[in-house]
């Protein structure tokens, strides 16, 4: 296993951050609101269990949005930028 210090992140973490930082933060907010809307629609159609399942997606989407915002402000790209 790779020894990781505060100033050094693993290659997997850098790969994930480089992909997630490309997405706008609004994407996750829209996904959370959409999952609540789909859940409400399913509930109105009588699909109670599926509505609960889809409705539970909102919290993870919001957490992904928070992670995305942290990556953009505090991620490796802030530390590893080449100095000019």
C-alpha atoms as a PDB file:
ATOM      1  CA  UNK A   1       0.000   0.000   0.000  1.00  0.00           C
ATOM      2  CA  UNK A   2       1.210   3.468  -0.870  1.00  0.00           C
ATOM      3  CA  UNK A   3       2.348   5.771   1.929  1.00  0.00           C
ATOM      4  CA  UNK A   4       0.283   8.966   1.679  1.00  0.00           C
ATOM      5  CA  UNK A   5       1.198  12.158   3.519  1.00  0.00           C
ATOM      6  CA  UNK A   6      -0.770  15.397   3.848  1.00  0.00           C
ATOM      7  CA  UNK A   7       0.941  16.910   0.809  1.00  0.00           C
ATOM      8  CA  UNK A   8       0.606  13.798  -1.353  1.00  0.00           C
ATOM      9  CA  UNK A   9      -2.541  12.065  -2.542  1.00  0.00           C
ATOM     10  CA  UNK A  10      -2.983   8.706  -4.185  1.00  0.00           C
ATOM     11  CA  UNK A  11      -3.289   8.374  -7.928  1.00  0.00           C
ATOM     12  CA  UNK A  12      -6.840   7.042  -7.628  1.00  0.00           C
ATOM     13  CA  UNK A  13      -7.925  10.092  -5.631  1.00  0.00           C
ATOM     14  CA  UNK A  14      -6.377  12.419  -8.192  1.00  0.00           C
ATOM     15  CA  UNK A  15      -8.154  10.596 -11.011  1.00  0.00           C
ATOM     16  CA  UNK A  16     -11.529  10.856  -9.249  1.00  0.00           C
ATOM     17  CA  UNK A  17     -11.006  14.532  -8.431  1.00  0.00           C
ATOM     18  CA  UNK A  18      -9.948  15.373 -11.970  1.00  0.00           C
ATOM     19  CA  UNK A  19     -13.209  13.915 -13.311  1.00  0.00           C
ATOM     20  CA  UNK A  20     -15.589  15.262 -10.646  1.00  0.00           C
ATOM     21  CA  UNK A  21     -14.147  18.772 -10.792  1.00  0.00           C
ATOM     22  CA  UNK A  22     -15.274  18.992 -14.435  1.00  0.00           C
ATOM     23  CA  UNK A  23     -18.935  18.862 -13.404  1.00  0.00           C
ATOM     24  CA  UNK A  24     -20.708  22.071 -12.385  1.00  0.00           C
ATOM     25  CA  UNK A  25     -21.905  22.022  -8.777  1.00  0.00           C
ATOM     26  CA  UNK A  26     -25.454  22.788  -9.943  1.00  0.00           C
ATOM     27  CA  UNK A  27     -25.570  19.349 -11.585  1.00  0.00           C
ATOM     28  CA  UNK A  28     -25.880  17.638  -8.211  1.00  0.00           C
ATOM     29  CA  UNK A  29     -28.505  20.070  -6.918  1.00  0.00           C
ATOM     30  CA  UNK A  30     -30.589  19.532 -10.049  1.00  0.00           C
ATOM     31  CA  UNK A  31     -30.207  15.741  -9.689  1.00  0.00           C
ATOM     32  CA  UNK A  32     -31.375  15.907  -6.048  1.00  0.00           C
ATOM     33  CA  UNK A  33     -34.435  18.015  -6.924  1.00  0.00           C
ATOM     34  CA  UNK A  34     -35.205  15.749  -9.883  1.00  0.00           C
ATOM     35  CA  UNK A  35     -35.062  12.637  -7.692  1.00  0.00           C
ATOM     36  CA  UNK A  36     -37.531  14.250  -5.277  1.00  0.00           C
ATOM     37  CA  UNK A  37     -39.836  15.104  -8.186  1.00  0.00           C
ATOM     38  CA  UNK A  38     -39.657  11.599  -9.610  1.00  0.00           C
ATOM     39  CA  UNK A  39     -40.284  10.217  -6.141  1.00  0.00           C
ATOM     40  CA  UNK A  40     -43.374  12.398  -5.738  1.00  0.00           C
ATOM     41  CA  UNK A  41     -44.650  11.293  -9.140  1.00  0.00           C
ATOM     42  CA  UNK A  42     -44.125   7.628  -8.286  1.00  0.00           C
ATOM     43  CA  UNK A  43     -45.894   8.130  -4.944  1.00  0.00           C
ATOM     44  CA  UNK A  44     -48.886   9.690  -6.741  1.00  0.00           C
ATOM     45  CA  UNK A  45     -48.946   6.728  -9.136  1.00  0.00           C
ATOM     46  CA  UNK A  46     -49.150   4.321  -6.188  1.00  0.00           C
ATOM     47  CA  UNK A  47     -45.603   2.953  -6.495  1.00  0.00           C
ATOM     48  CA  UNK A  48     -44.821   3.460  -2.796  1.00  0.00           C
ATOM     49  CA  UNK A  49     -41.678   1.332  -2.470  1.00  0.00           C
ATOM     50  CA  UNK A  50     -40.110   2.608  -5.680  1.00  0.00           C
ATOM     51  CA  UNK A  51     -40.941   6.188  -4.639  1.00  0.00           C
ATOM     52  CA  UNK A  52     -39.121   5.690  -1.339  1.00  0.00           C
ATOM     53  CA  UNK A  53     -36.146   4.152  -3.120  1.00  0.00           C
ATOM     54  CA  UNK A  54     -35.807   7.020  -5.603  1.00  0.00           C
ATOM     55  CA  UNK A  55     -36.495   9.641  -2.921  1.00  0.00           C
ATOM     56  CA  UNK A  56     -33.501   8.435  -0.951  1.00  0.00           C
ATOM     57  CA  UNK A  57     -31.199   9.432  -3.808  1.00  0.00           C
ATOM     58  CA  UNK A  58     -31.514  13.138  -2.933  1.00  0.00           C
ATOM     59  CA  UNK A  59     -29.159  13.036   0.073  1.00  0.00           C
ATOM     60  CA  UNK A  60     -26.292  11.271  -1.757  1.00  0.00           C
ATOM     61  CA  UNK A  61     -26.610  13.677  -4.687  1.00  0.00           C
ATOM     62  CA  UNK A  62     -26.319  16.618  -2.286  1.00  0.00           C
ATOM     63  CA  UNK A  63     -23.299  15.008  -0.614  1.00  0.00           C
ATOM     64  CA  UNK A  64     -21.682  14.520  -4.020  1.00  0.00           C
ATOM     65  CA  UNK A  65     -22.273  18.231  -4.618  1.00  0.00           C
ATOM     66  CA  UNK A  66     -20.514  19.114  -1.370  1.00  0.00           C
ATOM     67  CA  UNK A  67     -17.615  16.823  -2.290  1.00  0.00           C
ATOM     68  CA  UNK A  68     -17.454  18.447  -5.715  1.00  0.00           C
ATOM     69  CA  UNK A  69     -17.288  21.916  -4.159  1.00  0.00           C
ATOM     70  CA  UNK A  70     -14.537  20.834  -1.752  1.00  0.00           C
ATOM     71  CA  UNK A  71     -12.524  19.320  -4.595  1.00  0.00           C
ATOM     72  CA  UNK A  72     -12.789  22.542  -6.564  1.00  0.00           C
ATOM     73  CA  UNK A  73     -11.645  24.705  -3.651  1.00  0.00           C
ATOM     74  CA  UNK A  74      -9.334  22.443  -1.644  1.00  0.00           C
ATOM     75  CA  UNK A  75      -8.506  19.497  -3.916  1.00  0.00           C
ATOM     76  CA  UNK A  76      -5.190  18.369  -5.331  1.00  0.00           C
ATOM     77  CA  UNK A  77      -5.412  20.819  -8.206  1.00  0.00           C
ATOM     78  CA  UNK A  78      -4.938  23.627  -5.665  1.00  0.00           C
ATOM     79  CA  UNK A  79      -1.807  21.965  -4.253  1.00  0.00           C
ATOM     80  CA  UNK A  80      -0.244  20.442  -7.385  1.00  0.00           C
ATOM     81  CA  UNK A  81      -0.500  23.481  -9.665  1.00  0.00           C
ATOM     82  CA  UNK A  82       2.805  24.194 -11.376  1.00  0.00           C
ATOM     83  CA  UNK A  83       4.456  27.367 -10.125  1.00  0.00           C
ATOM     84  CA  UNK A  84       5.060  29.994 -12.775  1.00  0.00           C
END
